N, C-alpha and C. Protein backbone atom coordinates (compact mmCIF):
# COMPACT_ATOMS: atom_id res chain seq x y z
N MET A 1 0.88 -1.05 0.21
CA MET A 1 0.02 0.09 -0.03
C MET A 1 0.83 1.17 0.06
N SER A 2 0.53 2.07 -0.84
CA SER A 2 1.46 3.33 -0.75
C SER A 2 1.05 4.27 0.07
N GLU A 3 1.82 4.76 0.73
CA GLU A 3 1.95 6.29 1.54
C GLU A 3 0.91 7.07 1.28
N ILE A 4 0.03 7.67 2.03
CA ILE A 4 -0.85 8.84 1.83
C ILE A 4 -0.29 10.14 2.10
N LYS A 5 -0.04 10.79 0.88
CA LYS A 5 0.66 12.22 1.07
C LYS A 5 -0.52 13.27 1.56
N THR A 6 -0.47 13.86 2.70
CA THR A 6 -1.03 14.81 3.49
C THR A 6 -0.92 15.92 3.14
N GLY A 7 -0.01 16.80 2.55
CA GLY A 7 0.34 17.94 2.39
C GLY A 7 0.85 18.56 3.26
N GLY A 8 0.88 17.84 4.38
CA GLY A 8 1.32 18.65 5.72
C GLY A 8 0.51 19.34 6.24
N PRO A 9 0.62 20.25 7.35
CA PRO A 9 -0.51 20.89 8.00
C PRO A 9 -1.13 21.89 7.28
N ALA A 10 -2.50 21.81 7.57
CA ALA A 10 -3.18 23.10 7.06
C ALA A 10 -3.09 24.37 7.30
N PHE A 11 -2.90 24.48 8.54
CA PHE A 11 -2.65 25.78 9.33
C PHE A 11 -1.22 25.74 10.32
N PRO A 12 0.04 25.57 9.41
CA PRO A 12 0.97 25.67 10.31
C PRO A 12 1.28 26.54 11.30
N THR A 13 2.31 26.17 12.34
CA THR A 13 2.58 26.95 13.47
C THR A 13 3.70 26.43 13.97
N ASN A 14 4.20 27.31 14.65
CA ASN A 14 5.60 26.82 15.37
C ASN A 14 5.63 26.08 16.79
N ASP A 15 4.55 25.67 17.08
CA ASP A 15 4.35 24.78 17.97
C ASP A 15 4.53 23.62 17.74
N VAL A 16 5.48 22.85 18.32
CA VAL A 16 5.97 21.37 17.85
C VAL A 16 5.13 20.24 18.40
N CYS A 17 4.17 20.69 19.55
CA CYS A 17 3.04 19.85 20.20
C CYS A 17 1.68 19.93 19.49
N TYR A 18 1.42 20.78 18.51
CA TYR A 18 0.16 20.87 17.73
C TYR A 18 0.33 20.40 16.40
N ASN A 19 -0.10 19.25 16.00
CA ASN A 19 -0.13 18.63 14.69
C ASN A 19 -1.49 19.17 14.00
N GLY A 20 -2.43 19.40 14.43
CA GLY A 20 -3.87 20.05 13.72
C GLY A 20 -4.14 19.34 12.61
N MET A 21 -4.79 19.85 11.69
CA MET A 21 -5.50 19.26 10.77
C MET A 21 -4.57 19.46 9.42
N THR A 22 -4.46 18.18 8.56
CA THR A 22 -3.66 18.15 7.33
C THR A 22 -4.39 18.99 6.56
N LEU A 23 -3.41 19.42 5.06
CA LEU A 23 -4.02 20.05 4.13
C LEU A 23 -4.73 19.08 3.29
N ARG A 24 -5.07 17.81 3.48
CA ARG A 24 -5.44 16.64 2.84
C ARG A 24 -7.01 16.68 3.43
N ASP A 25 -7.08 16.73 4.53
CA ASP A 25 -8.19 16.83 5.53
C ASP A 25 -8.75 18.12 5.15
N TYR A 26 -7.88 19.26 4.95
CA TYR A 26 -8.94 20.64 4.84
C TYR A 26 -9.62 20.63 3.22
N PHE A 27 -8.73 19.98 2.31
CA PHE A 27 -9.14 19.89 1.04
C PHE A 27 -10.59 19.03 1.00
N ALA A 28 -10.34 17.86 1.74
CA ALA A 28 -11.52 16.93 1.63
C ALA A 28 -12.93 17.91 2.24
N ALA A 29 -12.74 18.46 3.17
CA ALA A 29 -13.80 19.18 3.86
C ALA A 29 -14.13 20.24 3.00
N LYS A 30 -13.36 20.63 2.42
CA LYS A 30 -13.98 21.82 1.55
C LYS A 30 -14.63 21.21 0.04
N ALA A 31 -13.79 20.11 -0.29
CA ALA A 31 -15.02 19.27 -1.30
C ALA A 31 -16.18 18.78 -0.84
N LEU A 32 -16.32 18.27 0.41
CA LEU A 32 -17.42 17.96 1.08
C LEU A 32 -18.70 18.96 1.23
N GLN A 33 -17.85 20.44 1.53
CA GLN A 33 -18.71 21.58 1.45
C GLN A 33 -19.59 21.89 0.29
N GLY A 34 -18.35 22.08 -0.49
CA GLY A 34 -19.02 22.42 -2.18
C GLY A 34 -20.07 21.35 -2.37
N TRP A 35 -19.88 19.98 -2.30
CA TRP A 35 -20.91 18.94 -2.44
C TRP A 35 -22.18 19.28 -2.15
N LEU A 36 -22.12 19.56 -0.63
CA LEU A 36 -23.33 19.54 0.19
C LEU A 36 -24.19 20.76 -0.52
N SER A 37 -23.46 21.88 -0.65
CA SER A 37 -24.08 23.05 -1.08
C SER A 37 -24.69 22.91 -2.41
N THR A 38 -24.93 21.63 -3.00
CA THR A 38 -25.56 21.52 -4.49
C THR A 38 -26.97 20.91 -3.85
N TYR A 39 -27.01 20.64 -2.63
CA TYR A 39 -28.17 19.69 -2.26
C TYR A 39 -29.17 21.12 -1.62
N PRO A 40 -30.50 20.95 -2.16
CA PRO A 40 -31.43 21.76 -1.65
C PRO A 40 -31.63 21.51 -0.30
N THR A 41 -32.00 22.61 0.57
CA THR A 41 -32.22 22.62 2.10
C THR A 41 -33.41 21.35 2.57
N GLU A 42 -34.13 21.70 1.48
CA GLU A 42 -35.44 20.53 2.00
C GLU A 42 -35.14 18.98 1.57
N MET A 43 -33.96 18.77 0.94
CA MET A 43 -33.93 17.44 0.59
C MET A 43 -33.24 16.54 1.54
N ASP A 44 -33.91 15.24 1.78
CA ASP A 44 -33.30 14.51 2.98
C ASP A 44 -32.16 13.72 2.24
N ILE A 45 -31.13 13.92 3.03
CA ILE A 45 -29.84 12.98 2.64
C ILE A 45 -29.47 11.85 3.45
N SER A 46 -30.70 11.39 4.27
CA SER A 46 -30.47 10.49 4.98
C SER A 46 -30.05 8.81 4.36
N ASN A 47 -30.53 8.97 2.94
CA ASN A 47 -30.42 7.64 2.07
C ASN A 47 -28.96 7.77 1.17
N VAL A 48 -28.16 8.90 1.26
CA VAL A 48 -26.97 8.88 0.67
C VAL A 48 -25.81 8.07 1.34
N ASN A 49 -25.14 7.29 0.60
CA ASN A 49 -24.11 6.49 0.88
C ASN A 49 -22.80 7.20 1.44
N LYS A 50 -22.90 7.54 2.65
CA LYS A 50 -22.02 8.64 3.23
C LYS A 50 -20.54 7.85 3.24
N GLU A 51 -20.30 6.60 3.36
CA GLU A 51 -18.98 6.01 3.19
C GLU A 51 -18.37 6.44 1.91
N PHE A 52 -19.12 6.10 0.95
CA PHE A 52 -18.75 6.36 -0.52
C PHE A 52 -18.32 7.93 -0.64
N VAL A 53 -19.16 9.02 -0.24
CA VAL A 53 -19.20 10.33 -0.13
C VAL A 53 -17.61 10.80 0.24
N ALA A 54 -17.72 10.22 1.49
CA ALA A 54 -16.27 10.37 2.15
C ALA A 54 -15.22 10.04 1.64
N LYS A 55 -15.42 8.92 1.18
CA LYS A 55 -13.99 8.53 0.33
C LYS A 55 -13.60 8.93 -1.18
N TYR A 56 -14.92 9.60 -1.89
CA TYR A 56 -14.96 10.42 -2.71
C TYR A 56 -14.17 11.62 -2.51
N MET A 57 -14.59 12.32 -1.21
CA MET A 57 -13.96 13.39 -0.94
C MET A 57 -12.48 13.40 -0.75
N TYR A 58 -11.94 12.64 0.10
CA TYR A 58 -10.62 12.21 -0.07
C TYR A 58 -9.94 11.92 -1.37
N GLU A 59 -10.72 11.29 -2.35
CA GLU A 59 -10.06 11.26 -3.57
C GLU A 59 -9.93 12.66 -4.44
N MET A 60 -11.01 13.51 -3.99
CA MET A 60 -10.72 14.82 -4.46
C MET A 60 -9.56 15.49 -4.21
N ALA A 61 -9.29 15.25 -2.66
CA ALA A 61 -8.18 15.82 -1.95
C ALA A 61 -7.06 15.68 -2.57
N ASP A 62 -6.93 14.14 -2.80
CA ASP A 62 -5.78 13.77 -3.35
C ASP A 62 -5.28 14.04 -4.74
N ALA A 63 -6.51 14.34 -5.55
CA ALA A 63 -6.07 15.01 -6.75
C ALA A 63 -5.51 16.39 -6.45
N MET A 64 -6.23 16.87 -5.86
CA MET A 64 -5.87 18.63 -5.41
C MET A 64 -4.44 18.76 -5.12
N LEU A 65 -3.99 17.77 -4.31
CA LEU A 65 -2.52 17.63 -3.83
C LEU A 65 -1.68 17.23 -4.87
N LYS A 66 -2.03 16.50 -5.38
CA LYS A 66 -1.46 15.87 -7.02
C LYS A 66 -1.06 17.12 -8.01
N ALA A 67 -2.15 17.79 -8.00
CA ALA A 67 -2.23 19.08 -8.85
C ALA A 67 -1.17 20.06 -8.30
N ARG A 68 -0.95 20.13 -7.21
CA ARG A 68 -0.21 21.07 -6.43
C ARG A 68 1.52 20.90 -6.80
N GLU A 69 1.71 19.65 -6.77
CA GLU A 69 3.00 19.05 -7.15
C GLU A 69 3.29 19.39 -8.59
N GLU A 70 2.76 19.20 -9.49
CA GLU A 70 2.72 19.67 -10.80
C GLU A 70 3.11 21.03 -11.48
């Protein structure tokens, strides 16, 4: 299995004890936020396959990290 590149901390600090959110997590959260914004507020998303959506958001985050390397 290949190592997951996280992009490092999303909000780096000089504090060596604070790891915080990775850039990968931040990108995935932003992708999820965008995806959720496409749903009308009255729509019931209880039937959405949440595991699939979560994996897809991290795939999007990985693509964004890869694009940063190019």
